[in-house]
Amino acid sequence: MKIFVAGGTGVLGRSTVRSLVEAGHTVRATGRGEAKAAVVRALGAEPVDADLYDPRSVRRAITGSEAVLRLTTKIPPLMKMARRGAWTETNKLRTVGARVLVDAAIFEQIPIYVHESVTFVYADAGDLLIGEDAQVDDGGTAVLRAALDGEREAARFSQSGRQGIVLRFGAFYGPDAPSTLESVQLVKRRMLPLIGPGAHYVSSIYVSDAARAVAAALGLPAGVYNVCDDRPVLFAEYLDALAGAVGAPPPLRLPGMLGGSLFGDVWKYFSRSQRVSNARFKEESGWSPAVKSVFEGWRLVAAALPRPGAGGQ
């Protein structure tokens, strides 16, 4: 299959391009500038210098493709999430960028569009398992409002008689993800605290498993699918697993009222209990995560990190 990947040099994009190429697909991916183009070529794909907000540029880029994948985000560092404007580019990519891609894909009569979204859009469900038909809620935040607006672009694609697929991913982590490396450094310095009791559920997905899920989604019926590991964990367990894997001391405990000060509006959904089920996606696609939970995933991350003194330092 001929596939165009928007966001081919991001954390999920790189791993997805690699998976698609290994599966025998012909892949073109965005890579603006020589440095990013070199990354795309190294993955075995053809780099495309396209302006994702320019309709003509996007139409030229996707011409001849059989599937278009939108994997574009620009997530700010954890400690900068509360800053004004930190989410502006991600919100624009999820809305304006998605609209331009969908318009172009409809114009070019491309049959498949895959849209990256997040499980954070679900309302707090306590201890209940969350399926794709569960209530969504933007929490009054621009971040989740943009995520849901982007999903509506995929629905519009399906309404045109094509195959629009929304993948709601759990929290990404992996050894080559900047947010993961930041989390490791913060927890080692006891700067990633346990805020509140930590009794709410967190759903995660290892990056390489997420990439395989994107490839597996190409043959699915139009609709929304959850992509996360098999075992959501309590927030307290999540931090303990991270700290234990990298040999860090137990996280500091802070009262829940400080969550907003540290993370801004993001805390409104970080603090939700989201015990998300991947059952529909597993059944429909045959995919299954190789990394079943953060208890093994964080150990894999720790094993992949450079050892102190490595390389003669």
Protein backbone atom coordinates (compact mmCIF):
# COMPACT_ATOMS: atom_id res chain seq x y z
CA MET A 1 0.00 0.00 0.00
CA LYS A 2 1.15 3.56 -0.74
CA ILE A 3 0.96 5.52 2.51
CA PHE A 4 1.52 9.18 3.38
CA VAL A 5 2.47 9.97 6.99
CA ALA A 6 2.03 13.49 8.32
CA GLY A 7 4.32 13.79 11.33
CA GLY A 8 6.82 11.23 10.16
CA THR A 9 9.72 12.52 12.28
CA GLY A 10 7.85 12.68 15.61
CA VAL A 11 8.14 10.02 18.31
CA LEU A 12 5.15 8.00 17.06
CA GLY A 13 5.82 8.92 13.43
CA ARG A 14 9.36 7.52 13.35
CA SER A 15 8.34 4.22 14.88
CA THR A 16 5.28 3.98 12.64
CA VAL A 17 7.22 4.68 9.44
CA ARG A 18 9.70 1.98 10.42
CA SER A 19 6.87 -0.52 11.07
CA LEU A 20 5.14 0.30 7.78
CA VAL A 21 8.33 -0.04 5.74
CA GLU A 22 9.14 -3.36 7.44
CA ALA A 23 5.63 -4.55 6.56
CA GLY A 24 6.34 -3.88 2.87
CA HIS A 25 4.40 -0.64 2.39
CA THR A 26 5.68 2.22 0.24
CA VAL A 27 5.86 5.23 2.57
CA ARG A 28 6.18 8.96 2.04
CA ALA A 29 6.50 11.09 5.19
CA THR A 30 6.85 14.74 6.05
CA GLY A 31 10.40 15.84 6.70
CA ARG A 32 10.93 19.58 6.32
CA GLY A 33 14.56 20.62 6.09
CA GLU A 34 17.54 18.41 5.31
CA ALA A 35 17.98 17.10 8.87
CA LYS A 36 14.41 15.77 9.09
CA ALA A 37 14.50 14.54 5.50
CA ALA A 38 17.59 12.50 6.41
CA VAL A 39 15.69 10.93 9.30
CA VAL A 40 12.88 9.87 6.96
CA ARG A 41 15.31 8.43 4.41
CA ALA A 42 17.13 6.49 7.14
CA LEU A 43 13.81 4.84 8.02
CA GLY A 44 13.43 3.64 4.45
CA ALA A 45 10.79 6.16 3.38
CA GLU A 46 10.65 9.08 0.96
CA PRO A 47 10.75 12.53 2.61
CA VAL A 48 8.23 15.18 1.55
CA ASP A 49 8.67 18.89 2.22
CA ALA A 50 5.04 19.93 2.71
CA ASP A 51 3.35 22.78 4.54
CA LEU A 52 0.57 21.00 6.43
CA TYR A 53 -1.51 24.19 6.65
CA ASP A 54 -1.37 24.86 2.90
CA PRO A 55 -4.09 22.96 0.97
CA ARG A 56 -2.22 22.93 -2.35
CA SER A 57 1.00 21.77 -0.72
CA VAL A 58 -0.82 18.95 1.06
CA ARG A 59 -2.69 17.82 -2.05
CA ARG A 60 0.60 17.60 -3.95
CA ALA A 61 2.16 15.62 -1.11
CA ILE A 62 -0.59 13.01 -0.83
CA THR A 63 -1.37 12.51 -4.53
CA GLY A 64 -1.28 8.82 -5.40
CA SER A 65 -1.51 7.63 -1.80
CA GLU A 66 -3.92 4.93 -0.68
CA ALA A 67 -3.91 6.00 2.96
CA VAL A 68 -3.15 9.22 4.84
CA LEU A 69 -2.01 9.07 8.48
CA ARG A 70 -2.15 12.15 10.72
CA LEU A 71 0.41 11.67 13.51
CA THR A 72 1.23 15.34 14.08
CA THR A 73 1.66 16.79 17.58
CA LYS A 74 4.04 19.10 19.37
CA ILE A 75 3.61 18.18 23.04
CA PRO A 76 5.38 20.60 25.43
CA PRO A 77 7.73 19.35 28.18
CA LEU A 78 6.01 18.31 31.41
CA MET A 79 7.30 21.25 33.39
CA LYS A 80 6.21 23.74 30.71
CA MET A 81 2.67 22.47 30.17
CA ALA A 82 1.18 25.22 32.33
CA ARG A 83 2.80 28.03 30.35
CA ARG A 84 0.67 30.30 28.22
CA GLY A 85 0.75 29.21 24.60
CA ALA A 86 2.43 25.86 25.34
CA TRP A 87 -0.26 23.93 23.49
CA THR A 88 -0.94 26.37 20.65
CA GLU A 89 0.85 24.43 17.92
CA THR A 90 -0.52 21.04 18.98
CA ASN A 91 -4.06 22.44 19.05
CA LYS A 92 -3.59 23.91 15.58
CA LEU A 93 -2.23 20.64 14.19
CA ARG A 94 -5.20 18.75 15.66
CA THR A 95 -7.76 21.12 14.15
CA VAL A 96 -6.58 23.22 11.20
CA GLY A 97 -4.00 20.61 10.20
CA ALA A 98 -6.57 17.81 10.37
CA ARG A 99 -9.10 19.81 8.36
CA VAL A 100 -6.59 20.53 5.59
CA LEU A 101 -5.53 16.86 5.44
CA VAL A 102 -9.12 15.61 5.32
CA ASP A 103 -10.08 18.13 2.64
CA ALA A 104 -7.09 17.08 0.57
CA ALA A 105 -7.73 13.35 1.07
CA ILE A 106 -11.37 13.73 -0.02
CA PHE A 107 -10.32 15.83 -3.03
CA GLU A 108 -7.72 13.24 -4.04
CA GLN A 109 -10.22 10.39 -3.47
CA ILE A 110 -7.98 8.62 -0.97
CA PRO A 111 -9.90 5.79 0.73
CA ILE A 112 -8.28 5.66 4.21
CA TYR A 113 -7.54 8.36 6.80
CA VAL A 114 -6.08 7.50 10.23
CA HIS A 115 -6.25 10.16 12.94
CA GLU A 116 -4.17 10.17 16.13
CA SER A 117 -6.16 11.13 19.24
CA VAL A 118 -5.90 10.53 23.00
CA THR A 119 -7.78 8.59 25.68
CA PHE A 120 -7.68 11.70 27.88
CA VAL A 121 -10.90 12.83 26.19
CA TYR A 122 -12.90 10.36 28.30
CA ALA A 123 -14.74 11.57 31.38
CA ASP A 124 -13.64 10.26 34.78
CA ALA A 125 -15.07 6.74 35.15
CA GLY A 126 -13.68 5.71 38.51
CA ASP A 127 -12.97 1.96 38.59
CA LEU A 128 -15.08 1.18 35.51
CA LEU A 129 -13.50 -0.02 32.28
CA ILE A 130 -13.80 2.58 29.52
CA GLY A 131 -14.86 1.46 26.07
CA GLU A 132 -15.14 3.55 22.94
CA ASP A 133 -18.80 4.39 23.58
CA ALA A 134 -18.09 5.94 26.99
CA GLN A 135 -18.79 9.61 27.67
CA VAL A 136 -16.23 12.14 26.46
CA ASP A 137 -15.66 15.50 28.10
CA ASP A 138 -13.25 18.30 27.17
CA GLY A 139 -13.14 19.44 30.81
CA GLY A 140 -13.35 23.05 29.71
CA THR A 141 -9.81 22.85 28.30
CA ALA A 142 -8.65 24.05 24.90
CA VAL A 143 -6.37 21.00 24.62
CA LEU A 144 -9.15 18.42 24.75
CA ARG A 145 -11.55 20.62 22.81
CA ALA A 146 -9.01 20.60 19.96
CA ALA A 147 -8.61 16.82 20.27
CA LEU A 148 -12.36 16.26 19.93
CA ASP A 149 -12.63 18.79 17.09
CA GLY A 150 -9.93 16.85 15.28
CA GLU A 151 -11.83 13.60 15.73
CA ARG A 152 -14.82 15.23 14.05
CA GLU A 153 -12.66 15.77 10.96
CA ALA A 154 -12.11 12.01 10.78
CA ALA A 155 -15.87 11.49 11.15
CA ARG A 156 -16.41 13.95 8.28
CA PHE A 157 -14.07 11.86 6.17
CA SER A 158 -16.16 8.76 6.93
CA GLN A 159 -19.36 10.63 6.10
CA SER A 160 -17.94 11.22 2.62
CA GLY A 161 -18.13 7.45 2.10
CA ARG A 162 -14.56 6.67 3.06
CA GLN A 163 -12.72 4.95 5.91
CA GLY A 164 -11.98 7.41 8.73
CA ILE A 165 -10.26 5.78 11.69
CA VAL A 166 -9.64 7.50 15.04
CA LEU A 167 -7.05 5.91 17.34
CA ARG A 168 -7.34 7.12 20.94
CA PHE A 169 -3.93 6.39 22.42
CA GLY A 170 -3.02 6.03 26.06
CA ALA A 171 -0.07 7.98 27.45
CA PHE A 172 2.99 7.35 25.26
CA TYR A 173 6.30 6.24 26.73
CA GLY A 174 9.44 4.64 25.37
CA PRO A 175 13.24 5.03 25.44
CA ASP A 176 13.34 7.47 22.50
CA ALA A 177 10.45 9.68 23.66
CA PRO A 178 11.58 13.07 25.03
CA SER A 179 8.73 13.07 27.57
CA THR A 180 9.96 9.72 28.89
CA LEU A 181 13.54 10.92 29.26
CA GLU A 182 12.25 14.03 31.02
CA SER A 183 10.13 11.92 33.37
CA VAL A 184 13.14 9.75 34.24
CA GLN A 185 15.29 12.77 35.09
CA LEU A 186 12.52 14.40 37.11
CA VAL A 187 11.74 11.30 39.15
CA LYS A 188 15.45 10.80 39.92
CA ARG A 189 15.52 14.35 41.32
CA ARG A 190 12.25 13.82 43.20
CA MET A 191 10.71 16.56 41.04
CA LEU A 192 7.88 14.38 39.70
CA PRO A 193 5.62 14.17 42.75
CA LEU A 194 2.63 12.07 43.63
CA ILE A 195 -0.12 14.69 43.65
CA GLY A 196 -3.09 13.77 45.80
CA PRO A 197 -3.82 10.14 46.78
CA GLY A 198 -2.90 8.76 43.35
CA ALA A 199 -5.94 6.46 43.37
CA HIS A 200 -7.06 7.31 39.83
CA TYR A 201 -6.28 5.00 36.90
CA VAL A 202 -3.76 5.78 34.15
CA SER A 203 -3.72 4.05 30.75
CA SER A 204 -0.44 3.90 28.83
CA ILE A 205 1.03 2.54 25.60
CA TYR A 206 4.63 1.74 24.70
CA VAL A 207 5.63 3.65 21.58
CA SER A 208 6.61 0.63 19.51
CA ASP A 209 3.26 -1.02 20.32
CA ALA A 210 1.46 2.18 19.31
CA ALA A 211 3.29 2.16 15.96
CA ARG A 212 2.27 -1.44 15.27
CA ALA A 213 -1.30 -0.45 16.12
CA VAL A 214 -1.28 2.27 13.46
CA ALA A 215 -0.21 -0.28 10.86
CA ALA A 216 -2.85 -2.75 12.09
CA ALA A 217 -5.58 -0.09 11.85
CA LEU A 218 -5.33 0.26 8.07
CA GLY A 219 -7.75 -2.58 7.44
CA LEU A 220 -10.34 -1.65 10.07
CA PRO A 221 -13.87 -0.36 9.50
CA ALA A 222 -14.37 3.36 10.06
CA GLY A 223 -14.76 4.30 13.71
CA VAL A 224 -13.05 5.02 17.01
CA TYR A 225 -10.64 2.59 18.69
CA ASN A 226 -8.77 2.66 21.99
CA VAL A 227 -5.07 1.81 21.81
CA CYS A 228 -3.49 1.16 25.19
CA ASP A 229 -1.77 -1.64 27.05
CA ASP A 230 -3.58 -4.51 28.79
CA ARG A 231 -3.30 -3.27 32.35
CA PRO A 232 -4.20 0.27 33.39
CA VAL A 233 -2.64 1.12 36.76
CA LEU A 234 -3.26 3.56 39.57
CA PHE A 235 -1.31 6.80 39.32
CA ALA A 236 0.57 5.91 42.50
CA GLU A 237 1.53 2.56 40.96
CA TYR A 238 2.62 4.29 37.76
CA LEU A 239 5.07 6.56 39.59
CA ASP A 240 6.31 3.75 41.84
CA ALA A 241 6.98 1.57 38.78
CA LEU A 242 8.94 4.37 37.13
CA ALA A 243 10.95 5.20 40.25
CA GLY A 244 11.70 1.55 40.97
CA ALA A 245 12.82 0.82 37.42
CA VAL A 246 15.38 3.66 37.32
CA GLY A 247 16.53 3.30 40.95
CA ALA A 248 15.03 6.59 42.10
CA PRO A 249 13.76 7.32 45.62
CA PRO A 250 10.01 7.22 46.24
CA PRO A 251 8.23 10.27 44.79
CA LEU A 252 7.39 13.15 47.07
CA ARG A 253 3.74 13.51 48.04
CA LEU A 254 1.90 16.77 47.45
CA PRO A 255 -1.72 17.74 48.11
CA GLY A 256 -4.08 17.50 45.15
CA MET A 257 -4.76 21.23 45.23
CA LEU A 258 -1.26 21.86 43.82
CA GLY A 259 -1.89 19.91 40.60
CA GLY A 260 -3.23 22.94 38.77
CA SER A 261 -0.26 25.06 39.81
CA LEU A 262 2.20 22.54 38.36
CA PHE A 263 0.37 21.48 35.19
CA GLY A 264 -2.27 24.15 34.57
CA ASP A 265 -5.44 23.04 32.78
CA VAL A 266 -3.75 19.76 31.89
CA TRP A 267 -4.25 18.61 35.48
CA LYS A 268 -8.01 18.69 34.88
CA TYR A 269 -7.61 15.55 32.78
CA PHE A 270 -4.35 14.16 34.18
CA SER A 271 -6.26 13.68 37.44
CA ARG A 272 -9.19 11.80 35.84
CA SER A 273 -9.53 8.08 36.50
CA GLN A 274 -9.26 6.42 33.10
CA ARG A 275 -9.18 2.63 33.14
CA VAL A 276 -9.33 2.25 29.37
CA SER A 277 -10.11 -1.01 27.58
CA ASN A 278 -8.34 -2.03 24.35
CA ALA A 279 -10.69 -4.99 23.78
CA ARG A 280 -12.42 -3.65 20.66
CA PHE A 281 -9.19 -2.84 18.86
CA LYS A 282 -7.60 -6.18 19.74
CA GLU A 283 -10.63 -8.10 18.52
CA GLU A 284 -11.06 -6.14 15.30
CA SER A 285 -7.40 -5.90 14.28
CA GLY A 286 -5.66 -8.92 15.79
CA TRP A 287 -3.12 -6.53 17.36
CA SER A 288 -1.90 -7.09 20.90
CA PRO A 289 0.62 -5.04 22.89
CA ALA A 290 3.99 -6.71 23.39
CA VAL A 291 4.44 -4.60 26.54
CA LYS A 292 1.47 -5.49 28.69
CA SER A 293 1.85 -2.85 31.41
CA VAL A 294 4.13 -0.15 32.79
CA PHE A 295 5.49 -2.67 35.30
CA GLU A 296 7.48 -4.29 32.49
CA GLY A 297 7.58 -1.23 30.23
CA TRP A 298 9.46 1.01 32.63
CA ARG A 299 12.04 -1.75 33.15
CA LEU A 300 12.53 -1.89 29.38
CA VAL A 301 13.02 1.88 29.31
CA ALA A 302 15.56 1.70 32.14
CA ALA A 303 17.49 -1.07 30.38
CA ALA A 304 17.71 1.05 27.21
CA LEU A 305 19.04 4.16 28.95
CA PRO A 306 22.77 4.96 28.68
CA ARG A 307 24.68 3.70 31.70
CA PRO A 308 26.59 6.23 33.83
CA GLY A 309 30.11 6.50 32.51
CA ALA A 310 29.28 4.85 29.18
CA GLY A 311 31.31 6.03 26.22
CA GLY A 312 34.26 6.96 28.38
CA GLN A 313 32.47 9.81 30.12
